[in-house]
Amino acid sequence: MLQPLQGFREEWFPTSIWYFDDPQPQPSVQQWLDWLKAERQRDEAGMSGRSNVLGWHSRDTLHEEPIFAGLVQRIRQGIGQVFADFGLDSTKIEPRLSNCWAIVNSQYCSNVVHVHGNSFWSGVYYLQTPPDCGNLFFLDPRPMVHMMSLPQTQPSRLTFSRITYAPRVGRMLLFPSWLQHGVEPNLSQVDRICLSFNLAVRWL
């Protein structure tokens, strides 16, 4: 009788996405929202030529504002986890927060699929997330894998071509800057508001 094969599956070339839930997002979130409301009144046009479709994009130097010092600390904690997971040598390189900006997506606003150039990691911290305000989605970075599809008995992580994260106040996500992503349209009548950022590295 033919003996059954002993099989093993190894995972290679994985793409990691991290998320962190802030245990105490208030009162920081409300302070940041109030500040951004005043900033939007001061700079109604914001920055153009970005991934936003109809939404408002603030200037990208918010990490230099004293009010966002708490956000910077949270980002440093998160990227510390990334460094630990990858086994990166913190005696030779250190993360550098290169820019940070706010995005306000009103009803029907969205963000087209894009990547973040000149960065290693990118992230988002959510401030206001009404129901149906638009999920963050990521696309499989291996497009040729999906040139053909086969029937399945149940969903499998091995065949996903797109995954989504529902926004949640106080949640921060970190992901590779080269990973294609976008934001679904906001179907709520309340603004979807978040703070986004990029991280590079500095050689020591």
Protein backbone atom coordinates (compact mmCIF):
# COMPACT_ATOMS: atom_id res chain seq x y z
CA MET A 1 0.00 0.00 0.00
CA LEU A 2 1.29 3.45 -0.91
CA GLN A 3 2.24 5.30 2.23
CA PRO A 4 0.86 8.84 2.66
CA LEU A 5 3.32 11.64 2.10
CA GLN A 6 4.51 13.63 5.08
CA GLY A 7 4.00 17.24 4.06
CA PHE A 8 5.18 20.57 5.44
CA ARG A 9 4.26 24.09 4.44
CA GLU A 10 6.67 26.97 4.98
CA GLU A 11 5.69 30.61 4.76
CA TRP A 12 8.08 32.88 2.83
CA PHE A 13 7.88 36.48 1.62
CA PRO A 14 5.19 37.52 4.13
CA THR A 15 3.91 41.10 4.30
CA SER A 16 3.37 42.39 7.83
CA ILE A 17 0.79 44.94 8.96
CA TRP A 18 0.76 46.06 12.59
CA TYR A 19 -2.05 47.64 14.54
CA PHE A 20 -2.09 49.11 18.03
CA ASP A 21 -5.10 50.18 20.08
CA ASP A 22 -4.52 53.19 22.32
CA PRO A 23 -5.91 52.33 25.78
CA GLN A 24 -6.52 56.01 26.55
CA PRO A 25 -7.22 57.92 23.31
CA GLN A 26 -9.08 60.67 25.15
CA PRO A 27 -8.55 63.54 25.87
CA SER A 28 -5.77 63.70 23.26
CA VAL A 29 -8.10 62.86 20.41
CA GLN A 30 -10.51 65.69 21.23
CA GLN A 31 -7.64 68.17 21.57
CA TRP A 32 -6.28 67.11 18.19
CA LEU A 33 -9.72 67.36 16.58
CA ASP A 34 -10.20 70.88 17.93
CA TRP A 35 -6.75 71.90 16.66
CA LEU A 36 -7.43 70.42 13.21
CA LYS A 37 -10.77 72.23 12.97
CA ALA A 38 -8.99 75.55 13.49
CA GLU A 39 -6.20 74.52 11.08
CA ARG A 40 -8.71 73.67 8.36
CA GLN A 41 -10.40 77.05 8.78
CA ARG A 42 -7.00 78.71 8.44
CA ASP A 43 -5.96 76.63 5.41
CA GLU A 44 -9.14 75.61 3.58
CA ALA A 45 -7.33 74.53 0.40
CA GLY A 46 -4.86 72.24 2.13
CA MET A 47 -2.40 70.26 0.03
CA SER A 48 -3.44 69.08 -3.43
CA GLY A 49 -2.10 66.42 -5.76
CA ARG A 50 -2.31 63.69 -3.14
CA SER A 51 -4.35 60.48 -2.92
CA ASN A 52 -7.47 62.25 -1.69
CA VAL A 53 -10.60 62.27 -3.82
CA LEU A 54 -12.59 65.32 -2.67
CA GLY A 55 -11.14 65.15 0.87
CA TRP A 56 -9.00 67.67 2.74
CA HIS A 57 -5.26 67.06 3.21
CA SER A 58 -3.43 69.26 5.71
CA ARG A 59 0.17 70.38 5.45
CA ASP A 60 2.56 67.54 6.24
CA THR A 61 4.52 69.03 9.13
CA LEU A 62 2.07 68.32 11.94
CA HIS A 63 4.67 66.24 13.83
CA GLU A 64 6.54 69.49 14.46
CA GLU A 65 3.59 70.99 16.33
CA PRO A 66 3.86 70.67 20.15
CA ILE A 67 0.25 69.55 20.46
CA PHE A 68 1.07 66.31 18.59
CA ALA A 69 3.95 65.32 20.90
CA GLY A 70 1.78 62.52 22.29
CA LEU A 71 1.17 61.14 18.81
CA VAL A 72 4.91 61.17 18.11
CA GLN A 73 5.47 59.14 21.28
CA ARG A 74 2.85 56.60 20.20
CA ILE A 75 4.47 56.30 16.77
CA ARG A 76 7.86 55.71 18.38
CA GLN A 77 6.38 52.93 20.49
CA GLY A 78 4.84 51.32 17.43
CA ILE A 79 7.95 51.50 15.26
CA GLY A 80 9.91 50.07 18.18
CA GLN A 81 7.77 46.93 17.84
CA VAL A 82 8.50 46.84 14.10
CA PHE A 83 12.24 47.08 14.76
CA ALA A 84 12.00 44.26 17.29
CA ASP A 85 9.99 42.00 14.97
CA PHE A 86 12.43 42.47 12.10
CA GLY A 87 15.48 42.23 14.32
CA LEU A 88 16.78 45.57 13.04
CA ASP A 89 20.03 46.86 14.50
CA SER A 90 19.15 49.98 16.49
CA THR A 91 22.85 50.64 17.11
CA LYS A 92 23.28 51.38 13.40
CA ILE A 93 19.94 52.88 12.36
CA GLU A 94 17.09 54.69 14.05
CA PRO A 95 13.59 55.51 12.77
CA ARG A 96 12.95 59.07 11.67
CA LEU A 97 9.46 60.54 11.43
CA SER A 98 9.71 62.39 8.14
CA ASN A 99 6.21 63.85 7.78
CA CYS A 100 2.74 63.77 9.27
CA TRP A 101 -0.57 65.13 8.02
CA ALA A 102 -4.31 65.01 8.63
CA ILE A 103 -6.95 63.74 6.22
CA VAL A 104 -10.59 64.72 6.53
CA ASN A 105 -12.93 62.71 4.30
CA SER A 106 -16.46 64.08 4.24
CA GLN A 107 -19.35 62.17 2.69
CA TYR A 108 -18.34 60.32 -0.52
CA CYS A 109 -14.67 61.27 -0.16
CA SER A 110 -12.08 58.52 -0.57
CA ASN A 111 -8.40 57.85 -1.27
CA VAL A 112 -7.19 56.20 -4.47
CA VAL A 113 -4.77 53.27 -4.42
CA HIS A 114 -1.25 54.54 -3.83
CA VAL A 115 2.10 53.95 -2.12
CA HIS A 116 4.32 56.31 -0.11
CA GLY A 117 7.64 57.04 -1.78
CA ASN A 118 10.93 57.80 -0.01
CA SER A 119 9.82 55.99 3.15
CA PHE A 120 10.22 52.60 4.77
CA TRP A 121 7.02 52.51 6.84
CA SER A 122 3.78 54.45 6.83
CA GLY A 123 0.91 54.63 9.23
CA VAL A 124 -2.37 56.11 10.33
CA TYR A 125 -3.96 57.05 13.66
CA TYR A 126 -7.75 57.42 13.72
CA LEU A 127 -9.46 60.37 15.40
CA GLN A 128 -13.07 60.23 14.18
CA THR A 129 -14.66 57.13 12.68
CA PRO A 130 -18.44 57.12 12.26
CA PRO A 131 -20.05 53.91 10.95
CA ASP A 132 -19.62 53.30 7.20
CA CYS A 133 -16.95 56.00 6.91
CA GLY A 134 -14.68 53.95 4.63
CA ASN A 135 -12.31 51.09 5.40
CA LEU A 136 -8.59 51.14 4.76
CA PHE A 137 -7.74 48.40 2.26
CA PHE A 138 -4.48 46.77 1.16
CA LEU A 139 -3.76 44.90 -2.08
CA ASP A 140 -1.63 41.81 -2.52
CA PRO A 141 1.79 43.09 -3.69
CA ARG A 142 2.14 40.02 -5.96
CA PRO A 143 -0.31 40.80 -8.78
CA MET A 144 0.69 37.84 -10.97
CA VAL A 145 -0.42 35.41 -8.25
CA HIS A 146 -4.02 36.26 -9.11
CA MET A 147 -3.87 35.76 -12.89
CA MET A 148 -6.11 32.70 -12.38
CA SER A 149 -8.46 31.70 -9.58
CA LEU A 150 -9.81 28.33 -8.55
CA PRO A 151 -12.95 27.36 -6.59
CA GLN A 152 -12.54 27.05 -2.84
CA THR A 153 -14.55 25.33 -0.14
CA GLN A 154 -13.75 28.16 2.29
CA PRO A 155 -11.79 31.44 2.33
CA SER A 156 -8.06 31.16 2.93
CA ARG A 157 -5.42 33.73 3.84
CA LEU A 158 -3.24 32.13 1.16
CA THR A 159 -5.51 33.41 -1.62
CA PHE A 160 -6.69 36.83 -0.42
CA SER A 161 -6.07 39.56 -2.99
CA ARG A 162 -7.35 42.37 -0.78
CA ILE A 163 -7.78 42.86 2.96
CA THR A 164 -9.52 45.67 4.85
CA TYR A 165 -9.28 47.31 8.25
CA ALA A 166 -12.24 49.16 9.71
CA PRO A 167 -11.17 52.50 11.23
CA ARG A 168 -11.47 52.78 14.99
CA VAL A 169 -10.80 55.79 17.22
CA GLY A 170 -7.45 55.40 18.95
CA ARG A 171 -6.23 52.67 16.61
CA MET A 172 -2.88 53.07 14.86
CA LEU A 173 -1.74 50.97 11.92
CA LEU A 174 1.80 50.61 10.57
CA PHE A 175 2.67 49.02 7.23
CA PRO A 176 5.43 48.96 4.59
CA SER A 177 5.35 52.14 2.54
CA TRP A 178 5.57 50.15 -0.70
CA LEU A 179 2.33 48.24 0.03
CA GLN A 180 -0.50 49.47 -2.21
CA HIS A 181 -3.47 50.77 -0.24
CA GLY A 182 -6.48 53.05 -0.46
CA VAL A 183 -9.57 54.17 1.46
CA GLU A 184 -13.15 53.34 0.55
CA PRO A 185 -15.69 56.18 0.14
CA ASN A 186 -17.17 57.65 3.29
CA LEU A 187 -20.88 56.76 3.18
CA SER A 188 -21.58 58.55 6.45
CA GLN A 189 -22.71 62.15 6.82
CA VAL A 190 -20.02 62.64 9.49
CA ASP A 191 -16.38 63.36 8.64
CA ARG A 192 -13.81 60.57 8.78
CA ILE A 193 -10.66 62.09 10.32
CA CYS A 194 -7.22 60.58 10.72
CA LEU A 195 -3.56 61.48 11.10
CA SER A 196 -1.15 59.82 8.64
CA PHE A 197 2.63 59.69 8.70
CA ASN A 198 5.79 58.33 7.07
CA LEU A 199 8.94 56.97 8.63
CA ALA A 200 12.42 56.82 7.14
CA VAL A 201 15.67 55.79 8.87
CA ARG A 202 18.78 57.65 9.92
CA TRP A 203 22.16 55.94 9.96
CA LEU A 204 24.04 56.37 13.23
